[in-house]
PDB file of all heavy atoms in Angstrom:
ATOM      1  N   ILE A   1      -5.416   2.216   0.695  1.00  0.00           N
ATOM      2  CA  ILE A   1      -5.476   1.264  -0.398  1.00  0.00           C
ATOM      3  C   ILE A   1      -4.539   0.108  -0.081  1.00  0.00           C
ATOM      4  O   ILE A   1      -3.786   0.165   0.920  1.00  0.00           O
ATOM      5  CB  ILE A   1      -5.075   1.912  -1.740  1.00  0.00           C
ATOM      6  CG1 ILE A   1      -3.629   2.418  -1.703  1.00  0.00           C
ATOM      7  CG2 ILE A   1      -6.037   3.032  -2.109  1.00  0.00           C
ATOM      8  CD1 ILE A   1      -3.132   2.947  -3.027  1.00  0.00           C
ATOM      9  N   GLU A   2      -4.569  -0.939  -0.888  1.00  0.00           N
ATOM     10  CA  GLU A   2      -3.612  -2.063  -0.727  1.00  0.00           C
ATOM     11  C   GLU A   2      -2.727  -2.127  -1.963  1.00  0.00           C
ATOM     12  O   GLU A   2      -3.174  -1.823  -3.086  1.00  0.00           O
ATOM     13  CB  GLU A   2      -4.335  -3.404  -0.557  1.00  0.00           C
ATOM     14  CG  GLU A   2      -4.885  -3.667   0.840  1.00  0.00           C
ATOM     15  CD  GLU A   2      -6.313  -3.161   0.998  1.00  0.00           C
ATOM     16  OE1 GLU A   2      -6.943  -2.841  -0.041  1.00  0.00           O
ATOM     17  OE2 GLU A   2      -6.769  -3.079   2.146  1.00  0.00           O
ATOM     18  N   VAL A   3      -1.490  -2.545  -1.779  1.00  0.00           N
ATOM     19  CA  VAL A   3      -0.559  -2.771  -2.875  1.00  0.00           C
ATOM     20  C   VAL A   3      -0.141  -4.240  -2.851  1.00  0.00           C
ATOM     21  O   VAL A   3       0.388  -4.732  -1.856  1.00  0.00           O
ATOM     22  CB  VAL A   3       0.661  -1.866  -2.773  1.00  0.00           C
ATOM     23  CG1 VAL A   3       1.627  -2.146  -3.934  1.00  0.00           C
ATOM     24  CG2 VAL A   3       0.243  -0.407  -2.788  1.00  0.00           C
ATOM     25  N   ILE A   4      -0.374  -4.910  -3.977  1.00  0.00           N
ATOM     26  CA  ILE A   4      -0.029  -6.337  -4.106  1.00  0.00           C
ATOM     27  C   ILE A   4       1.187  -6.464  -5.017  1.00  0.00           C
ATOM     28  O   ILE A   4       1.230  -5.908  -6.104  1.00  0.00           O
ATOM     29  CB  ILE A   4      -1.207  -7.133  -4.722  1.00  0.00           C
ATOM     30  CG1 ILE A   4      -2.449  -7.033  -3.834  1.00  0.00           C
ATOM     31  CG2 ILE A   4      -0.814  -8.593  -4.950  1.00  0.00           C
ATOM     32  CD1 ILE A   4      -3.708  -7.602  -4.490  1.00  0.00           C
ATOM     33  N   LYS A   5       2.181  -7.227  -4.548  1.00  0.00           N
ATOM     34  CA  LYS A   5       3.339  -7.541  -5.378  1.00  0.00           C
ATOM     35  C   LYS A   5       3.135  -8.905  -6.023  1.00  0.00           C
ATOM     36  O   LYS A   5       2.825  -9.879  -5.336  1.00  0.00           O
ATOM     37  CB  LYS A   5       4.618  -7.542  -4.548  1.00  0.00           C
ATOM     38  CG  LYS A   5       5.880  -7.832  -5.351  1.00  0.00           C
ATOM     39  CD  LYS A   5       7.129  -7.780  -4.496  1.00  0.00           C
ATOM     40  CE  LYS A   5       8.390  -8.049  -5.322  1.00  0.00           C
ATOM     41  NZ  LYS A   5       9.631  -7.965  -4.494  1.00  0.00           N
ATOM     42  N   VAL A   6       3.307  -8.942  -7.335  1.00  0.00           N
ATOM     43  CA  VAL A   6       3.111 -10.199  -8.087  1.00  0.00           C
ATOM     44  C   VAL A   6       4.405 -10.594  -8.784  1.00  0.00           C
ATOM     45  O   VAL A   6       4.818  -9.956  -9.761  1.00  0.00           O
ATOM     46  CB  VAL A   6       1.989 -10.052  -9.135  1.00  0.00           C
ATOM     47  CG1 VAL A   6       1.733 -11.397  -9.838  1.00  0.00           C
ATOM     48  CG2 VAL A   6       0.708  -9.518  -8.515  1.00  0.00           C
ATOM     49  N   PRO A   7       5.113 -11.638  -8.321  1.00  0.00           N
ATOM     50  CA  PRO A   7       6.270 -12.123  -9.061  1.00  0.00           C
ATOM     51  C   PRO A   7       5.794 -12.769 -10.359  1.00  0.00           C
ATOM     52  O   PRO A   7       4.984 -13.696 -10.330  1.00  0.00           O
ATOM     53  CB  PRO A   7       6.863 -13.171  -8.104  1.00  0.00           C
ATOM     54  CG  PRO A   7       6.224 -12.928  -6.778  1.00  0.00           C
ATOM     55  CD  PRO A   7       4.865 -12.363  -7.077  1.00  0.00           C
ATOM     56  N   LEU A   8       6.251 -12.259 -11.504  1.00  0.00           N
ATOM     57  CA  LEU A   8       5.730 -12.702 -12.777  1.00  0.00           C
ATOM     58  C   LEU A   8       6.015 -14.172 -13.064  1.00  0.00           C
ATOM     59  O   LEU A   8       5.212 -14.852 -13.693  1.00  0.00           O
ATOM     60  CB  LEU A   8       6.273 -11.837 -13.900  1.00  0.00           C
ATOM     61  CG  LEU A   8       5.867 -10.348 -13.815  1.00  0.00           C
ATOM     62  CD1 LEU A   8       6.529  -9.555 -14.925  1.00  0.00           C
ATOM     63  CD2 LEU A   8       4.351 -10.192 -13.880  1.00  0.00           C
ATOM     64  N   ALA A   9       7.125 -14.683 -12.573  1.00  0.00           N
ATOM     65  CA  ALA A   9       7.463 -16.099 -12.805  1.00  0.00           C
ATOM     66  C   ALA A   9       6.667 -17.018 -11.891  1.00  0.00           C
ATOM     67  O   ALA A   9       6.443 -18.189 -12.219  1.00  0.00           O
ATOM     68  CB  ALA A   9       8.943 -16.309 -12.629  1.00  0.00           C
ATOM     69  N   THR A  10       6.263 -16.492 -10.702  1.00  0.00           N
ATOM     70  CA  THR A  10       5.539 -17.309  -9.729  1.00  0.00           C
ATOM     71  C   THR A  10       4.350 -16.516  -9.186  1.00  0.00           C
ATOM     72  O   THR A  10       4.339 -16.138  -8.002  1.00  0.00           O
ATOM     73  CB  THR A  10       6.454 -17.746  -8.567  1.00  0.00           C
ATOM     74  OG1 THR A  10       7.077 -16.562  -8.002  1.00  0.00           O
ATOM     75  CG2 THR A  10       7.536 -18.710  -9.066  1.00  0.00           C
ATOM     76  N   PRO A  11       3.355 -16.240 -10.011  1.00  0.00           N
ATOM     77  CA  PRO A  11       2.245 -15.387  -9.572  1.00  0.00           C
ATOM     78  C   PRO A  11       1.460 -15.938  -8.403  1.00  0.00           C
ATOM     79  O   PRO A  11       0.759 -15.173  -7.690  1.00  0.00           O
ATOM     80  CB  PRO A  11       1.372 -15.277 -10.826  1.00  0.00           C
ATOM     81  CG  PRO A  11       1.763 -16.448 -11.672  1.00  0.00           C
ATOM     82  CD  PRO A  11       3.197 -16.695 -11.399  1.00  0.00           C
ATOM     83  N   ALA A  12       1.553 -17.244  -8.169  1.00  0.00           N
ATOM     84  CA  ALA A  12       0.852 -17.841  -7.021  1.00  0.00           C
ATOM     85  C   ALA A  12       1.383 -17.284  -5.706  1.00  0.00           C
ATOM     86  O   ALA A  12       0.712 -17.401  -4.670  1.00  0.00           O
ATOM     87  CB  ALA A  12       0.993 -19.346  -7.040  1.00  0.00           C
ATOM     88  N   GLU A  13       2.558 -16.652  -5.730  1.00  0.00           N
ATOM     89  CA  GLU A  13       3.145 -16.060  -4.532  1.00  0.00           C
ATOM     90  C   GLU A  13       2.746 -14.607  -4.325  1.00  0.00           C
ATOM     91  O   GLU A  13       3.295 -13.913  -3.454  1.00  0.00           O
ATOM     92  CB  GLU A  13       4.664 -16.176  -4.597  1.00  0.00           C
ATOM     93  CG  GLU A  13       5.174 -17.614  -4.635  1.00  0.00           C
ATOM     94  CD  GLU A  13       6.679 -17.708  -4.813  1.00  0.00           C
ATOM     95  OE1 GLU A  13       7.346 -16.631  -4.764  1.00  0.00           O
ATOM     96  OE2 GLU A  13       7.190 -18.833  -4.986  1.00  0.00           O
ATOM     97  N   ALA A  14       1.792 -14.121  -5.115  1.00  0.00           N
ATOM     98  CA  ALA A  14       1.315 -12.734  -4.967  1.00  0.00           C
ATOM     99  C   ALA A  14       0.833 -12.482  -3.544  1.00  0.00           C
ATOM    100  O   ALA A  14       0.158 -13.316  -2.965  1.00  0.00           O
ATOM    101  CB  ALA A  14       0.207 -12.456  -5.967  1.00  0.00           C
ATOM    102  N   ARG A  15       1.185 -11.286  -3.025  1.00  0.00           N
ATOM    103  CA  ARG A  15       0.778 -10.971  -1.652  1.00  0.00           C
ATOM    104  C   ARG A  15       0.757  -9.448  -1.472  1.00  0.00           C
ATOM    105  O   ARG A  15       1.387  -8.712  -2.212  1.00  0.00           O
ATOM    106  CB  ARG A  15       1.739 -11.588  -0.647  1.00  0.00           C
ATOM    107  CG  ARG A  15       3.162 -11.071  -0.764  1.00  0.00           C
ATOM    108  CD  ARG A  15       4.134 -11.808   0.156  1.00  0.00           C
ATOM    109  NE  ARG A  15       5.501 -11.284   0.036  1.00  0.00           N
ATOM    110  CZ  ARG A  15       5.970 -10.271   0.754  1.00  0.00           C
ATOM    111  NH1 ARG A  15       5.189  -9.656   1.645  1.00  0.00           N
ATOM    112  NH2 ARG A  15       7.212  -9.843   0.584  1.00  0.00           N
ATOM    113  N   ILE A  16       0.029  -9.011  -0.450  1.00  0.00           N
ATOM    114  CA  ILE A  16      -0.018  -7.596  -0.103  1.00  0.00           C
ATOM    115  C   ILE A  16       1.294  -7.216   0.552  1.00  0.00           C
ATOM    116  O   ILE A  16       1.735  -7.880   1.495  1.00  0.00           O
ATOM    117  CB  ILE A  16      -1.195  -7.297   0.830  1.00  0.00           C
ATOM    118  CG1 ILE A  16      -2.533  -7.546   0.111  1.00  0.00           C
ATOM    119  CG2 ILE A  16      -1.131  -5.846   1.318  1.00  0.00           C
ATOM    120  CD1 ILE A  16      -3.746  -7.398   1.023  1.00  0.00           C
ATOM    121  N   VAL A  17       1.940  -6.172   0.045  1.00  0.00           N
ATOM    122  CA  VAL A  17       3.229  -5.734   0.602  1.00  0.00           C
ATOM    123  C   VAL A  17       3.122  -4.384   1.319  1.00  0.00           C
ATOM    124  O   VAL A  17       4.023  -4.007   2.068  1.00  0.00           O
ATOM    125  CB  VAL A  17       4.329  -5.658  -0.480  1.00  0.00           C
ATOM    126  CG1 VAL A  17       4.663  -7.049  -0.978  1.00  0.00           C
ATOM    127  CG2 VAL A  17       3.900  -4.755  -1.636  1.00  0.00           C
ATOM    128  N   SER A  18       2.053  -3.636   1.094  1.00  0.00           N
ATOM    129  CA  SER A  18       1.860  -2.386   1.831  1.00  0.00           C
ATOM    130  C   SER A  18       0.414  -1.970   1.774  1.00  0.00           C
ATOM    131  O   SER A  18      -0.360  -2.411   0.906  1.00  0.00           O
ATOM    132  CB  SER A  18       2.756  -1.269   1.270  1.00  0.00           C
ATOM    133  OG  SER A  18       2.363  -0.910  -0.042  1.00  0.00           O
ATOM    134  N   ARG A  19       0.041  -1.105   2.723  1.00  0.00           N
ATOM    135  CA  ARG A  19      -1.320  -0.585   2.808  1.00  0.00           C
ATOM    136  C   ARG A  19      -1.222   0.933   3.006  1.00  0.00           C
ATOM    137  O   ARG A  19      -1.457   1.435   4.114  1.00  0.00           O
ATOM    138  CB  ARG A  19      -2.081  -1.247   3.951  1.00  0.00           C
ATOM    139  CG  ARG A  19      -2.312  -2.759   3.760  1.00  0.00           C
ATOM    140  CD  ARG A  19      -3.043  -3.352   4.936  1.00  0.00           C
ATOM    141  NE  ARG A  19      -3.396  -4.736   4.705  1.00  0.00           N
ATOM    142  CZ  ARG A  19      -2.601  -5.777   4.916  1.00  0.00           C
ATOM    143  NH1 ARG A  19      -1.359  -5.580   5.368  1.00  0.00           N
ATOM    144  NH2 ARG A  19      -3.008  -7.017   4.673  1.00  0.00           N
ATOM    145  N   PRO A  20      -0.902   1.676   1.962  1.00  0.00           N
ATOM    146  CA  PRO A  20      -0.702   3.120   2.102  1.00  0.00           C
ATOM    147  C   PRO A  20      -1.970   3.821   2.592  1.00  0.00           C
ATOM    148  O   PRO A  20      -3.058   3.631   2.056  1.00  0.00           O
ATOM    149  CB  PRO A  20      -0.342   3.562   0.678  1.00  0.00           C
ATOM    150  CG  PRO A  20       0.103   2.348   0.001  1.00  0.00           C
ATOM    151  CD  PRO A  20      -0.664   1.213   0.588  1.00  0.00           C
ATOM    152  N   ARG A  21      -1.806   4.644   3.621  1.00  0.00           N
ATOM    153  CA  ARG A  21      -2.910   5.466   4.109  1.00  0.00           C
ATOM    154  C   ARG A  21      -2.882   6.745   3.293  1.00  0.00           C
ATOM    155  O   ARG A  21      -2.180   7.709   3.614  1.00  0.00           O
ATOM    156  CB  ARG A  21      -2.765   5.714   5.607  1.00  0.00           C
ATOM    157  CG  ARG A  21      -2.828   4.404   6.416  1.00  0.00           C
ATOM    158  CD  ARG A  21      -2.705   4.635   7.893  1.00  0.00           C
ATOM    159  NE  ARG A  21      -3.805   5.409   8.423  1.00  0.00           N
ATOM    160  CZ  ARG A  21      -5.052   4.947   8.635  1.00  0.00           C
ATOM    161  NH1 ARG A  21      -5.330   3.679   8.349  1.00  0.00           N
ATOM    162  NH2 ARG A  21      -5.979   5.726   9.133  1.00  0.00           N
ATOM    163  N   VAL A  22      -3.652   6.735   2.202  1.00  0.00           N
ATOM    164  CA  VAL A  22      -3.466   7.727   1.133  1.00  0.00           C
ATOM    165  C   VAL A  22      -3.861   9.139   1.536  1.00  0.00           C
ATOM    166  O   VAL A  22      -3.500  10.088   0.840  1.00  0.00           O
ATOM    167  CB  VAL A  22      -4.254   7.319  -0.121  1.00  0.00           C
ATOM    168  CG1 VAL A  22      -3.728   6.006  -0.658  1.00  0.00           C
ATOM    169  CG2 VAL A  22      -5.749   7.201   0.178  1.00  0.00           C
ATOM    170  N   PHE A  23      -4.560   9.308   2.644  1.00  0.00           N
ATOM    171  CA  PHE A  23      -4.917  10.644   3.099  1.00  0.00           C
ATOM    172  C   PHE A  23      -3.959  11.178   4.142  1.00  0.00           C
ATOM    173  O   PHE A  23      -4.161  12.235   4.716  1.00  0.00           O
ATOM    174  CB  PHE A  23      -6.332  10.665   3.682  1.00  0.00           C
ATOM    175  CG  PHE A  23      -7.382  10.288   2.679  1.00  0.00           C
ATOM    176  CD1 PHE A  23      -7.991   9.038   2.706  1.00  0.00           C
ATOM    177  CD2 PHE A  23      -7.777  11.179   1.686  1.00  0.00           C
ATOM    178  CE1 PHE A  23      -8.968   8.707   1.803  1.00  0.00           C
ATOM    179  CE2 PHE A  23      -8.760  10.842   0.767  1.00  0.00           C
ATOM    180  CZ  PHE A  23      -9.349   9.598   0.823  1.00  0.00           C
ATOM    181  N   ALA A  24      -2.914  10.413   4.461  1.00  0.00           N
ATOM    182  CA  ALA A  24      -2.051  10.761   5.596  1.00  0.00           C
ATOM    183  C   ALA A  24      -1.041  11.839   5.230  1.00  0.00           C
ATOM    184  O   ALA A  24      -0.473  11.818   4.138  1.00  0.00           O
ATOM    185  CB  ALA A  24      -1.315   9.525   6.108  1.00  0.00           C
ATOM    186  N   ASP A  25      -0.810  12.724   6.171  1.00  0.00           N
ATOM    187  CA  ASP A  25       0.238  13.725   6.023  1.00  0.00           C
ATOM    188  C   ASP A  25       1.594  13.017   6.218  1.00  0.00           C
ATOM    189  O   ASP A  25       1.806  12.307   7.206  1.00  0.00           O
ATOM    190  CB  ASP A  25       0.082  14.830   7.081  1.00  0.00           C
ATOM    191  CG  ASP A  25       1.131  15.911   6.936  1.00  0.00           C
ATOM    192  OD1 ASP A  25       2.278  15.666   7.350  1.00  0.00           O
ATOM    193  OD2 ASP A  25       0.781  16.999   6.438  1.00  0.00           O
ATOM    194  N   SER A  26       2.506  13.189   5.252  1.00  0.00           N
ATOM    195  CA  SER A  26       3.754  12.444   5.282  1.00  0.00           C
ATOM    196  C   SER A  26       4.635  12.817   6.485  1.00  0.00           C
ATOM    197  O   SER A  26       5.501  12.025   6.879  1.00  0.00           O
ATOM    198  CB  SER A  26       4.540  12.692   3.992  1.00  0.00           C
ATOM    199  OG  SER A  26       4.824  14.069   3.827  1.00  0.00           O
ATOM    200  N   THR A  27       4.412  13.968   7.076  1.00  0.00           N
ATOM    201  CA  THR A  27       5.232  14.418   8.203  1.00  0.00           C
ATOM    202  C   THR A  27       4.616  14.059   9.548  1.00  0.00           C
ATOM    203  O   THR A  27       5.259  13.456  10.411  1.00  0.00           O
ATOM    204  CB  THR A  27       5.461  15.936   8.157  1.00  0.00           C
ATOM    205  OG1 THR A  27       6.079  16.279   6.926  1.00  0.00           O
ATOM    206  CG2 THR A  27       6.327  16.394   9.312  1.00  0.00           C
ATOM    207  N   THR A  28       3.332  14.373   9.707  1.00  0.00           N
ATOM    208  CA  THR A  28       2.685  14.171  10.997  1.00  0.00           C
ATOM    209  C   THR A  28       1.936  12.848  11.112  1.00  0.00           C
ATOM    210  O   THR A  28       1.649  12.386  12.204  1.00  0.00           O
ATOM    211  CB  THR A  28       1.666  15.294  11.264  1.00  0.00           C
ATOM    212  OG1 THR A  28       0.601  15.223  10.307  1.00  0.00           O
ATOM    213  CG2 THR A  28       2.343  16.655  11.137  1.00  0.00           C
ATOM    214  N   GLY A  29       1.600  12.252   9.968  1.00  0.00           N
ATOM    215  CA  GLY A  29       0.823  11.031  10.012  1.00  0.00           C
ATOM    216  C   GLY A  29      -0.653  11.267  10.119  1.00  0.00           C
ATOM    217  O   GLY A  29      -1.465  10.345  10.018  1.00  0.00           O
ATOM    218  N   ALA A  30      -1.061  12.523  10.319  1.00  0.00           N
ATOM    219  CA  ALA A  30      -2.487  12.839  10.414  1.00  0.00           C
ATOM    220  C   ALA A  30      -3.143  12.743   9.061  1.00  0.00           C
ATOM    221  O   ALA A  30      -2.506  12.981   8.018  1.00  0.00           O
ATOM    222  CB  ALA A  30      -2.650  14.268  10.976  1.00  0.00           C
ATOM    223  N   ASN A  31      -4.416  12.363   9.058  1.00  0.00           N
ATOM    224  CA  ASN A  31      -5.135  12.272   7.808  1.00  0.00           C
ATOM    225  C   ASN A  31      -5.700  13.649   7.430  1.00  0.00           C
ATOM    226  O   ASN A  31      -6.464  14.252   8.186  1.00  0.00           O
ATOM    227  CB  ASN A  31      -6.274  11.264   7.919  1.00  0.00           C
ATOM    228  CG  ASN A  31      -5.754   9.849   7.912  1.00  0.00           C
ATOM    229  OD1 ASN A  31      -5.197   9.410   8.885  1.00  0.00           O
ATOM    230  ND2 ASN A  31      -5.932   9.141   6.822  1.00  0.00           N
ATOM    231  N   ASN A  32      -5.298  14.116   6.273  1.00  0.00           N
ATOM    232  CA  ASN A  32      -5.701  15.451   5.830  1.00  0.00           C
ATOM    233  C   ASN A  32      -6.737  15.385   4.718  1.00  0.00           C
ATOM    234  O   ASN A  32      -6.933  14.355   4.072  1.00  0.00           O
ATOM    235  CB  ASN A  32      -4.472  16.207   5.344  1.00  0.00           C
ATOM    236  CG  ASN A  32      -3.462  16.443   6.440  1.00  0.00           C
ATOM    237  OD1 ASN A  32      -3.831  16.590   7.609  1.00  0.00           O
ATOM    238  ND2 ASN A  32      -2.195  16.477   6.110  1.00  0.00           N
ATOM    239  N   ALA A  33      -7.357  16.520   4.468  1.00  0.00           N
ATOM    240  CA  ALA A  33      -8.255  16.710   3.337  1.00  0.00           C
ATOM    241  C   ALA A  33      -9.448  15.761   3.350  1.00  0.00           C
ATOM    242  O   ALA A  33      -9.995  15.400   2.316  1.00  0.00           O
ATOM    243  CB  ALA A  33      -7.502  16.574   2.009  1.00  0.00           C
ATOM    244  N   LEU A  34      -9.841  15.317   4.508  1.00  0.00           N
ATOM    245  CA  LEU A  34     -10.970  14.393   4.605  1.00  0.00           C
ATOM    246  C   LEU A  34     -12.278  15.170   4.695  1.00  0.00           C
ATOM    247  O   LEU A  34     -12.393  16.156   5.414  1.00  0.00           O
ATOM    248  CB  LEU A  34     -10.832  13.511   5.851  1.00  0.00           C
ATOM    249  CG  LEU A  34      -9.776  12.404   5.780  1.00  0.00           C
ATOM    250  CD1 LEU A  34      -9.664  11.714   7.115  1.00  0.00           C
ATOM    251  CD2 LEU A  34     -10.098  11.438   4.676  1.00  0.00           C
TER     252      LEU A  34
END
């Protein structure tokens, strides 16, 4: 998925700050449960 950070005072500066690989194992990095 993508995560967008939106500064409330300057929303025009909204940008993607991370792209979590939501199926990834936090230890090995492998994608699980697919």
